[in-house]
N, C-alpha and C. Protein backbone atom coordinates (compact mmCIF):
# COMPACT_ATOMS: atom_id res chain seq x y z
N UNK A 1 64.68 14.28 -4.19
CA UNK A 1 65.96 13.81 -3.78
C UNK A 1 66.09 12.36 -4.25
N UNK A 2 66.88 12.16 -5.19
CA UNK A 2 67.09 10.83 -5.74
C UNK A 2 68.50 10.36 -5.45
N UNK A 3 68.60 9.16 -5.00
CA UNK A 3 69.90 8.55 -4.78
C UNK A 3 70.11 7.49 -5.85
N UNK A 4 71.28 7.43 -6.29
CA UNK A 4 71.60 6.45 -7.33
C UNK A 4 72.55 5.43 -6.74
N UNK A 5 72.17 4.19 -6.85
CA UNK A 5 73.03 3.11 -6.41
C UNK A 5 73.70 2.54 -7.65
N UNK A 6 75.00 2.55 -7.63
CA UNK A 6 75.73 2.05 -8.79
C UNK A 6 75.80 0.53 -8.72
N UNK A 7 75.49 -0.08 -9.78
CA UNK A 7 75.55 -1.53 -9.84
C UNK A 7 76.30 -1.97 -11.06
N UNK A 8 76.24 -3.24 -11.35
CA UNK A 8 76.97 -3.78 -12.48
C UNK A 8 76.37 -3.28 -13.78
N UNK A 9 75.06 -3.27 -13.89
CA UNK A 9 74.43 -2.93 -15.15
C UNK A 9 74.04 -1.48 -15.26
N UNK A 10 74.37 -0.63 -14.39
CA UNK A 10 74.00 0.77 -14.48
C UNK A 10 73.42 1.24 -13.17
N UNK A 11 72.59 2.26 -13.20
CA UNK A 11 72.08 2.84 -11.97
C UNK A 11 70.64 2.40 -11.68
N UNK A 12 70.36 2.26 -10.41
CA UNK A 12 69.00 1.97 -9.96
C UNK A 12 68.56 3.16 -9.13
N UNK A 13 67.42 3.67 -9.42
CA UNK A 13 66.93 4.84 -8.70
C UNK A 13 66.20 4.35 -7.45
N UNK A 14 66.73 4.71 -6.28
CA UNK A 14 66.16 4.26 -5.03
C UNK A 14 64.79 4.86 -4.80
N UNK A 15 64.60 6.11 -5.17
CA UNK A 15 63.31 6.77 -4.98
C UNK A 15 62.21 6.05 -5.76
N UNK A 16 62.55 5.59 -6.94
CA UNK A 16 61.58 4.85 -7.74
C UNK A 16 61.19 3.55 -7.07
N UNK A 17 62.18 2.89 -6.48
CA UNK A 17 61.87 1.66 -5.76
C UNK A 17 61.02 1.94 -4.54
N UNK A 18 61.31 3.04 -3.84
CA UNK A 18 60.50 3.41 -2.68
C UNK A 18 59.07 3.71 -3.09
N UNK A 19 58.92 4.39 -4.20
CA UNK A 19 57.57 4.68 -4.70
C UNK A 19 56.83 3.39 -5.06
N UNK A 20 57.54 2.48 -5.70
CA UNK A 20 56.95 1.22 -6.09
C UNK A 20 56.53 0.42 -4.84
N UNK A 21 57.39 0.41 -3.83
CA UNK A 21 57.05 -0.29 -2.60
C UNK A 21 55.84 0.37 -1.93
N UNK A 22 55.78 1.71 -1.92
CA UNK A 22 54.63 2.42 -1.34
C UNK A 22 53.35 2.11 -2.09
N UNK A 23 53.45 2.02 -3.42
CA UNK A 23 52.28 1.68 -4.23
C UNK A 23 51.78 0.28 -3.91
N UNK A 24 52.70 -0.67 -3.80
CA UNK A 24 52.31 -2.04 -3.49
C UNK A 24 51.67 -2.14 -2.10
N UNK A 25 52.23 -1.45 -1.12
CA UNK A 25 51.65 -1.44 0.22
C UNK A 25 50.27 -0.81 0.19
N UNK A 26 50.12 0.28 -0.56
CA UNK A 26 48.82 0.93 -0.69
C UNK A 26 47.79 0.02 -1.31
N UNK A 27 48.19 -0.71 -2.36
CA UNK A 27 47.27 -1.66 -2.99
C UNK A 27 46.88 -2.76 -2.00
N UNK A 28 47.84 -3.27 -1.27
CA UNK A 28 47.57 -4.33 -0.31
C UNK A 28 46.62 -3.83 0.77
N UNK A 29 46.84 -2.61 1.26
CA UNK A 29 45.94 -2.04 2.27
C UNK A 29 44.55 -1.80 1.67
N UNK A 30 44.51 -1.34 0.43
CA UNK A 30 43.23 -1.09 -0.24
C UNK A 30 42.41 -2.36 -0.40
N UNK A 31 43.09 -3.44 -0.77
CA UNK A 31 42.39 -4.71 -0.92
C UNK A 31 41.85 -5.17 0.42
N UNK A 32 42.68 -5.06 1.46
CA UNK A 32 42.23 -5.43 2.79
C UNK A 32 41.06 -4.56 3.23
N UNK A 33 41.13 -3.25 2.93
CA UNK A 33 40.06 -2.32 3.29
C UNK A 33 38.77 -2.68 2.57
N UNK A 34 38.87 -2.98 1.27
CA UNK A 34 37.67 -3.33 0.50
C UNK A 34 37.06 -4.64 0.99
N UNK A 35 37.90 -5.61 1.35
CA UNK A 35 37.38 -6.87 1.90
C UNK A 35 36.63 -6.60 3.20
N UNK A 36 37.21 -5.74 4.02
CA UNK A 36 36.58 -5.40 5.30
C UNK A 36 35.25 -4.69 5.06
N UNK A 37 35.22 -3.77 4.10
CA UNK A 37 33.97 -3.06 3.80
C UNK A 37 32.91 -4.01 3.26
N UNK A 38 33.32 -4.95 2.40
CA UNK A 38 32.35 -5.93 1.90
C UNK A 38 31.81 -6.79 3.02
N UNK A 39 32.66 -7.19 3.97
CA UNK A 39 32.21 -7.99 5.10
C UNK A 39 31.22 -7.20 5.95
N UNK A 40 31.53 -5.92 6.21
CA UNK A 40 30.61 -5.08 6.98
C UNK A 40 29.28 -4.94 6.25
N UNK A 41 29.33 -4.74 4.93
CA UNK A 41 28.09 -4.59 4.15
C UNK A 41 27.27 -5.88 4.19
N UNK A 42 27.94 -7.04 4.06
CA UNK A 42 27.23 -8.31 4.12
C UNK A 42 26.57 -8.51 5.48
N UNK A 43 27.28 -8.17 6.54
CA UNK A 43 26.72 -8.33 7.88
C UNK A 43 25.53 -7.39 8.10
N UNK A 44 25.66 -6.15 7.62
CA UNK A 44 24.55 -5.19 7.76
C UNK A 44 23.36 -5.65 6.95
N UNK A 45 23.61 -6.15 5.72
CA UNK A 45 22.53 -6.65 4.88
C UNK A 45 21.85 -7.84 5.55
N UNK A 46 22.64 -8.75 6.13
CA UNK A 46 22.09 -9.93 6.80
C UNK A 46 21.20 -9.51 7.97
N UNK A 47 21.66 -8.50 8.75
CA UNK A 47 20.84 -8.03 9.87
C UNK A 47 19.54 -7.41 9.39
N UNK A 48 19.61 -6.62 8.28
CA UNK A 48 18.38 -6.01 7.75
C UNK A 48 17.41 -7.07 7.25
N UNK A 49 17.93 -8.10 6.57
CA UNK A 49 17.07 -9.17 6.07
C UNK A 49 16.43 -9.92 7.24
N UNK A 50 17.21 -10.21 8.29
CA UNK A 50 16.65 -10.91 9.44
C UNK A 50 15.57 -10.08 10.13
N UNK A 51 15.80 -8.76 10.25
CA UNK A 51 14.80 -7.89 10.89
C UNK A 51 13.54 -7.83 10.03
N UNK A 52 13.70 -7.69 8.71
CA UNK A 52 12.54 -7.63 7.83
C UNK A 52 11.77 -8.94 7.85
N UNK A 53 12.48 -10.06 7.89
CA UNK A 53 11.83 -11.36 7.95
C UNK A 53 11.04 -11.51 9.25
N UNK A 54 11.64 -11.07 10.34
CA UNK A 54 10.94 -11.15 11.62
C UNK A 54 9.68 -10.29 11.61
N UNK A 55 9.78 -9.06 11.05
CA UNK A 55 8.59 -8.20 10.96
C UNK A 55 7.53 -8.83 10.10
N UNK A 56 7.94 -9.43 8.96
CA UNK A 56 6.98 -10.06 8.06
C UNK A 56 6.27 -11.23 8.74
N UNK A 57 7.04 -12.07 9.44
CA UNK A 57 6.43 -13.21 10.11
C UNK A 57 5.49 -12.77 11.22
N UNK A 58 5.85 -11.71 11.94
CA UNK A 58 4.98 -11.19 13.00
C UNK A 58 3.68 -10.65 12.40
N UNK A 59 3.81 -9.92 11.30
CA UNK A 59 2.62 -9.37 10.63
C UNK A 59 1.74 -10.49 10.12
N UNK A 60 2.38 -11.53 9.56
CA UNK A 60 1.61 -12.66 9.02
C UNK A 60 0.90 -13.39 10.15
N UNK A 61 1.58 -13.54 11.30
CA UNK A 61 0.96 -14.20 12.44
C UNK A 61 -0.26 -13.44 12.93
N UNK A 62 -0.15 -12.10 13.02
CA UNK A 62 -1.28 -11.32 13.52
C UNK A 62 -2.40 -11.25 12.49
N UNK A 63 -2.04 -11.24 11.20
CA UNK A 63 -3.07 -11.19 10.16
C UNK A 63 -3.87 -12.48 10.09
N UNK A 64 -3.17 -13.61 10.17
CA UNK A 64 -3.86 -14.87 9.96
C UNK A 64 -4.47 -15.43 11.24
N UNK A 65 -4.33 -14.72 12.33
CA UNK A 65 -4.97 -15.20 13.56
C UNK A 65 -6.48 -15.20 13.34
N UNK A 66 -7.07 -16.35 13.48
CA UNK A 66 -8.50 -16.49 13.19
C UNK A 66 -9.34 -15.79 14.25
N UNK A 67 -10.43 -15.21 13.80
CA UNK A 67 -11.36 -14.60 14.72
C UNK A 67 -12.13 -15.72 15.42
N UNK A 68 -12.30 -15.67 16.72
CA UNK A 68 -13.05 -16.73 17.41
C UNK A 68 -14.45 -16.89 16.84
N UNK A 69 -14.95 -18.10 16.86
CA UNK A 69 -16.26 -18.40 16.28
C UNK A 69 -17.34 -17.56 16.95
N UNK A 70 -18.25 -17.05 16.14
CA UNK A 70 -19.35 -16.27 16.65
C UNK A 70 -19.07 -14.77 16.66
N UNK A 71 -17.82 -14.38 16.41
CA UNK A 71 -17.50 -12.95 16.44
C UNK A 71 -17.36 -12.34 15.06
N UNK A 72 -17.51 -13.13 14.02
CA UNK A 72 -17.35 -12.60 12.68
C UNK A 72 -18.43 -13.10 11.74
N UNK A 73 -18.42 -12.54 10.55
CA UNK A 73 -19.35 -12.96 9.50
C UNK A 73 -18.58 -13.89 8.58
N UNK A 74 -19.18 -15.00 8.25
CA UNK A 74 -18.53 -15.98 7.41
C UNK A 74 -18.57 -15.55 5.95
N UNK A 75 -17.40 -15.53 5.32
CA UNK A 75 -17.28 -15.21 3.90
C UNK A 75 -16.59 -16.38 3.22
N UNK A 76 -17.23 -16.92 2.19
CA UNK A 76 -16.68 -18.07 1.47
C UNK A 76 -16.23 -17.59 0.09
N UNK A 77 -14.97 -17.88 -0.23
CA UNK A 77 -14.43 -17.61 -1.56
C UNK A 77 -14.49 -18.93 -2.30
N UNK A 78 -15.53 -19.11 -3.13
CA UNK A 78 -15.86 -20.42 -3.71
C UNK A 78 -14.76 -20.96 -4.62
N UNK A 79 -14.24 -20.15 -5.51
CA UNK A 79 -13.26 -20.64 -6.48
C UNK A 79 -11.96 -21.08 -5.80
N UNK A 80 -11.53 -20.33 -4.80
CA UNK A 80 -10.28 -20.69 -4.11
C UNK A 80 -10.53 -21.68 -2.98
N UNK A 81 -11.80 -21.90 -2.62
CA UNK A 81 -12.13 -22.88 -1.60
C UNK A 81 -11.77 -22.45 -0.18
N UNK A 82 -11.73 -21.16 0.07
CA UNK A 82 -11.38 -20.68 1.41
C UNK A 82 -12.60 -20.08 2.10
N UNK A 83 -12.74 -20.38 3.38
CA UNK A 83 -13.79 -19.80 4.21
C UNK A 83 -13.11 -18.96 5.27
N UNK A 84 -13.52 -17.69 5.37
CA UNK A 84 -12.88 -16.76 6.29
C UNK A 84 -13.94 -16.08 7.14
N UNK A 85 -13.50 -15.57 8.27
CA UNK A 85 -14.39 -14.79 9.13
C UNK A 85 -14.04 -13.32 8.99
N UNK A 86 -15.04 -12.52 8.72
CA UNK A 86 -14.84 -11.08 8.56
C UNK A 86 -15.33 -10.37 9.81
N UNK A 87 -14.54 -9.40 10.27
CA UNK A 87 -15.01 -8.52 11.33
C UNK A 87 -14.66 -7.09 10.94
N UNK A 88 -15.31 -6.09 11.54
CA UNK A 88 -15.14 -4.70 11.11
C UNK A 88 -13.71 -4.18 11.18
N UNK A 89 -12.85 -4.76 12.00
CA UNK A 89 -11.47 -4.28 12.08
C UNK A 89 -10.68 -4.58 10.82
N UNK A 90 -11.14 -5.53 10.03
CA UNK A 90 -10.42 -5.91 8.80
C UNK A 90 -10.61 -4.85 7.74
N UNK A 91 -11.81 -4.34 7.58
CA UNK A 91 -12.07 -3.37 6.52
C UNK A 91 -12.88 -4.00 5.41
N UNK A 92 -12.44 -3.82 4.19
CA UNK A 92 -13.20 -4.28 3.04
C UNK A 92 -12.99 -5.77 2.78
N UNK A 93 -13.80 -6.29 1.88
CA UNK A 93 -13.66 -7.69 1.47
C UNK A 93 -12.34 -7.93 0.76
N UNK A 94 -11.83 -6.92 0.09
CA UNK A 94 -10.54 -7.04 -0.57
C UNK A 94 -9.43 -7.27 0.45
N UNK A 95 -9.47 -6.54 1.55
CA UNK A 95 -8.48 -6.73 2.61
C UNK A 95 -8.58 -8.13 3.21
N UNK A 96 -9.81 -8.60 3.38
CA UNK A 96 -10.01 -9.96 3.89
C UNK A 96 -9.40 -10.98 2.93
N UNK A 97 -9.64 -10.79 1.64
CA UNK A 97 -9.09 -11.72 0.64
C UNK A 97 -7.56 -11.69 0.65
N UNK A 98 -6.98 -10.52 0.71
CA UNK A 98 -5.52 -10.40 0.72
C UNK A 98 -4.92 -11.02 1.97
N UNK A 99 -5.54 -10.82 3.12
CA UNK A 99 -5.02 -11.38 4.37
C UNK A 99 -5.07 -12.90 4.39
N UNK A 100 -5.99 -13.47 3.63
CA UNK A 100 -6.14 -14.92 3.61
C UNK A 100 -5.61 -15.55 2.33
N UNK A 101 -4.78 -14.81 1.61
CA UNK A 101 -4.11 -15.29 0.39
C UNK A 101 -5.08 -15.81 -0.67
N UNK A 102 -6.17 -15.08 -0.86
CA UNK A 102 -7.10 -15.40 -1.94
C UNK A 102 -6.68 -14.57 -3.14
N UNK A 103 -6.51 -15.20 -4.27
CA UNK A 103 -6.05 -14.53 -5.47
C UNK A 103 -7.20 -13.75 -6.11
N UNK A 104 -7.19 -12.42 -5.94
CA UNK A 104 -8.20 -11.55 -6.57
C UNK A 104 -7.48 -10.46 -7.33
N UNK A 105 -8.14 -9.98 -8.36
CA UNK A 105 -7.57 -8.89 -9.15
C UNK A 105 -7.76 -7.58 -8.41
N UNK A 106 -6.74 -6.72 -8.46
CA UNK A 106 -6.78 -5.44 -7.76
C UNK A 106 -6.37 -4.34 -8.72
N UNK A 107 -7.03 -3.21 -8.61
CA UNK A 107 -6.67 -2.07 -9.44
C UNK A 107 -6.54 -0.82 -8.61
N UNK A 108 -7.50 0.08 -8.76
CA UNK A 108 -7.42 1.40 -8.14
C UNK A 108 -7.82 1.42 -6.66
N UNK A 109 -8.51 0.41 -6.18
CA UNK A 109 -9.02 0.31 -4.81
C UNK A 109 -10.07 1.37 -4.47
N UNK A 110 -10.70 1.92 -5.49
CA UNK A 110 -11.76 2.89 -5.23
C UNK A 110 -13.01 2.61 -6.07
N UNK A 111 -13.05 1.50 -6.77
CA UNK A 111 -14.23 1.11 -7.53
C UNK A 111 -14.34 1.75 -8.90
N UNK A 112 -13.34 2.49 -9.33
CA UNK A 112 -13.42 3.17 -10.62
C UNK A 112 -12.94 2.30 -11.77
N UNK A 113 -11.99 1.41 -11.51
CA UNK A 113 -11.43 0.62 -12.60
C UNK A 113 -12.23 -0.66 -12.86
N UNK A 114 -12.90 -1.19 -11.84
CA UNK A 114 -13.72 -2.38 -12.01
C UNK A 114 -12.97 -3.69 -12.02
N UNK A 115 -11.68 -3.70 -11.72
CA UNK A 115 -10.89 -4.94 -11.73
C UNK A 115 -11.32 -5.89 -10.62
N UNK A 116 -11.76 -5.36 -9.48
CA UNK A 116 -12.11 -6.23 -8.35
C UNK A 116 -13.59 -6.64 -8.38
N UNK A 117 -14.27 -6.38 -9.47
CA UNK A 117 -15.68 -6.76 -9.61
C UNK A 117 -15.81 -8.28 -9.51
N UNK A 118 -16.62 -8.74 -8.59
CA UNK A 118 -16.76 -10.17 -8.31
C UNK A 118 -18.23 -10.54 -8.20
N UNK A 119 -18.55 -11.72 -8.68
CA UNK A 119 -19.93 -12.20 -8.62
C UNK A 119 -20.27 -12.69 -7.21
N UNK A 120 -21.49 -12.36 -6.78
CA UNK A 120 -21.98 -12.82 -5.48
C UNK A 120 -22.86 -14.05 -5.74
N UNK A 121 -22.47 -15.20 -5.19
CA UNK A 121 -23.26 -16.42 -5.37
C UNK A 121 -24.41 -16.47 -4.38
N UNK A 122 -24.16 -15.96 -3.17
CA UNK A 122 -25.18 -15.98 -2.14
C UNK A 122 -24.85 -14.91 -1.11
N UNK A 123 -25.87 -14.23 -0.60
CA UNK A 123 -25.66 -13.21 0.41
C UNK A 123 -25.76 -11.80 -0.16
N UNK A 124 -25.39 -10.83 0.65
CA UNK A 124 -25.48 -9.44 0.22
C UNK A 124 -24.33 -8.65 0.84
N UNK A 125 -24.03 -7.50 0.22
CA UNK A 125 -22.97 -6.62 0.71
C UNK A 125 -23.51 -5.21 0.84
N UNK A 126 -22.85 -4.43 1.64
CA UNK A 126 -23.12 -2.99 1.68
C UNK A 126 -21.80 -2.30 1.36
N UNK A 127 -21.92 -1.04 0.92
CA UNK A 127 -20.72 -0.32 0.49
C UNK A 127 -20.29 0.67 1.55
N UNK A 128 -18.98 0.76 1.75
CA UNK A 128 -18.41 1.64 2.76
C UNK A 128 -18.62 3.10 2.39
N UNK A 129 -18.47 3.43 1.13
CA UNK A 129 -18.67 4.81 0.68
C UNK A 129 -19.69 4.81 -0.45
N UNK A 130 -20.30 5.95 -0.64
CA UNK A 130 -21.31 6.04 -1.70
C UNK A 130 -20.64 6.50 -2.99
N UNK A 131 -21.10 5.96 -4.08
CA UNK A 131 -20.62 6.36 -5.39
C UNK A 131 -21.73 6.13 -6.39
N UNK A 132 -21.60 6.73 -7.58
CA UNK A 132 -22.69 6.70 -8.54
C UNK A 132 -22.81 5.38 -9.29
N UNK A 133 -21.71 4.78 -9.68
CA UNK A 133 -21.74 3.59 -10.53
C UNK A 133 -21.69 2.31 -9.72
N UNK A 134 -22.83 1.93 -9.15
CA UNK A 134 -22.89 0.67 -8.41
C UNK A 134 -22.98 -0.47 -9.42
N UNK A 135 -22.40 -1.62 -9.07
CA UNK A 135 -22.48 -2.75 -10.01
C UNK A 135 -23.90 -3.32 -10.05
N UNK A 136 -24.15 -4.11 -11.05
CA UNK A 136 -25.48 -4.74 -11.21
C UNK A 136 -25.74 -5.70 -10.06
N UNK A 137 -26.99 -6.06 -9.89
CA UNK A 137 -27.36 -7.00 -8.82
C UNK A 137 -26.61 -8.31 -9.02
N UNK A 138 -26.12 -8.87 -7.93
CA UNK A 138 -25.37 -10.12 -8.00
C UNK A 138 -23.88 -9.91 -8.20
N UNK A 139 -23.45 -8.66 -8.18
CA UNK A 139 -22.03 -8.34 -8.33
C UNK A 139 -21.62 -7.35 -7.25
N UNK A 140 -20.32 -7.31 -6.93
CA UNK A 140 -19.84 -6.32 -5.95
C UNK A 140 -18.39 -5.96 -6.25
N UNK A 141 -18.02 -4.77 -5.83
CA UNK A 141 -16.62 -4.35 -5.86
C UNK A 141 -16.01 -4.74 -4.52
N UNK A 142 -15.02 -5.59 -4.54
CA UNK A 142 -14.40 -6.05 -3.30
C UNK A 142 -13.67 -4.93 -2.56
N UNK A 143 -13.22 -3.91 -3.29
CA UNK A 143 -12.32 -2.91 -2.69
C UNK A 143 -13.00 -2.04 -1.64
N UNK A 144 -14.32 -1.89 -1.69
CA UNK A 144 -14.96 -1.08 -0.65
C UNK A 144 -16.34 -1.59 -0.26
N UNK A 145 -16.49 -2.90 -0.31
CA UNK A 145 -17.75 -3.49 0.15
C UNK A 145 -17.49 -4.35 1.38
N UNK A 146 -18.53 -4.45 2.20
CA UNK A 146 -18.46 -5.26 3.42
C UNK A 146 -19.69 -6.17 3.44
N UNK A 147 -19.56 -7.36 4.03
CA UNK A 147 -20.70 -8.27 4.03
C UNK A 147 -21.74 -7.86 5.08
N UNK A 148 -23.00 -8.12 4.75
CA UNK A 148 -24.08 -7.84 5.71
C UNK A 148 -24.52 -9.12 6.42
N UNK A 149 -24.09 -10.25 5.93
CA UNK A 149 -24.39 -11.55 6.51
C UNK A 149 -23.50 -12.59 5.84
N UNK A 150 -23.81 -13.84 6.05
CA UNK A 150 -23.01 -14.89 5.41
C UNK A 150 -22.99 -14.65 3.91
N UNK A 151 -21.80 -14.76 3.33
CA UNK A 151 -21.59 -14.37 1.94
C UNK A 151 -20.77 -15.43 1.21
N UNK A 152 -21.20 -15.75 0.00
CA UNK A 152 -20.42 -16.65 -0.85
C UNK A 152 -20.08 -15.90 -2.12
N UNK A 153 -18.78 -15.77 -2.37
CA UNK A 153 -18.29 -15.01 -3.54
C UNK A 153 -17.65 -15.95 -4.53
N UNK A 154 -17.71 -15.59 -5.80
CA UNK A 154 -17.08 -16.37 -6.86
C UNK A 154 -15.66 -15.84 -7.05
N UNK A 155 -14.81 -16.13 -6.11
CA UNK A 155 -13.40 -15.68 -6.20
C UNK A 155 -12.49 -16.75 -5.68
C-alpha cells in the first residue's frame, strides 16, 4: 500500500520514507545493542581476569610458604643462588625448582629426553621410579629425583 504525496517537484513515496525511517531506527538500536553487548563482555572479562588473578596469587602464596626450619631437606641451586627446603609433599626436585622460580630446562618429565639432567655438586639423590638409563655419577634427572640429604645442584 503506497501513498503518494503530491508536491512541487513530483511525487514522494510515503512507504519508502517509512522504510527508511525504520531502517535508521533499526541501525540506531543495533548500535546501542552492540555497545551494550561490548560493555557486558568487558565486564565479564574483567571479572574472569580478577578471579584468575586471585587464584594465581593464592596458589603462589601457598607454594612459596616456606617450610619451617628442621622439617625439610636443604637444596641449594648454586647457579641461581637459591636455597630451598624440600619436603615429601612437594614431589620431585623439578617441582621444587619450579615452585621457587629456579630456571631449569624441562622436557618430557619422565627422564627419557634428558633435558632436566643436572650436575650434582654435593649430596645424593634417590629416584622416585625405577628406569634403565640412570645418569652417570654426579648427575641427576630433576624430573623424578628426590634428595636424600643436603644437596647442592648446578642449576
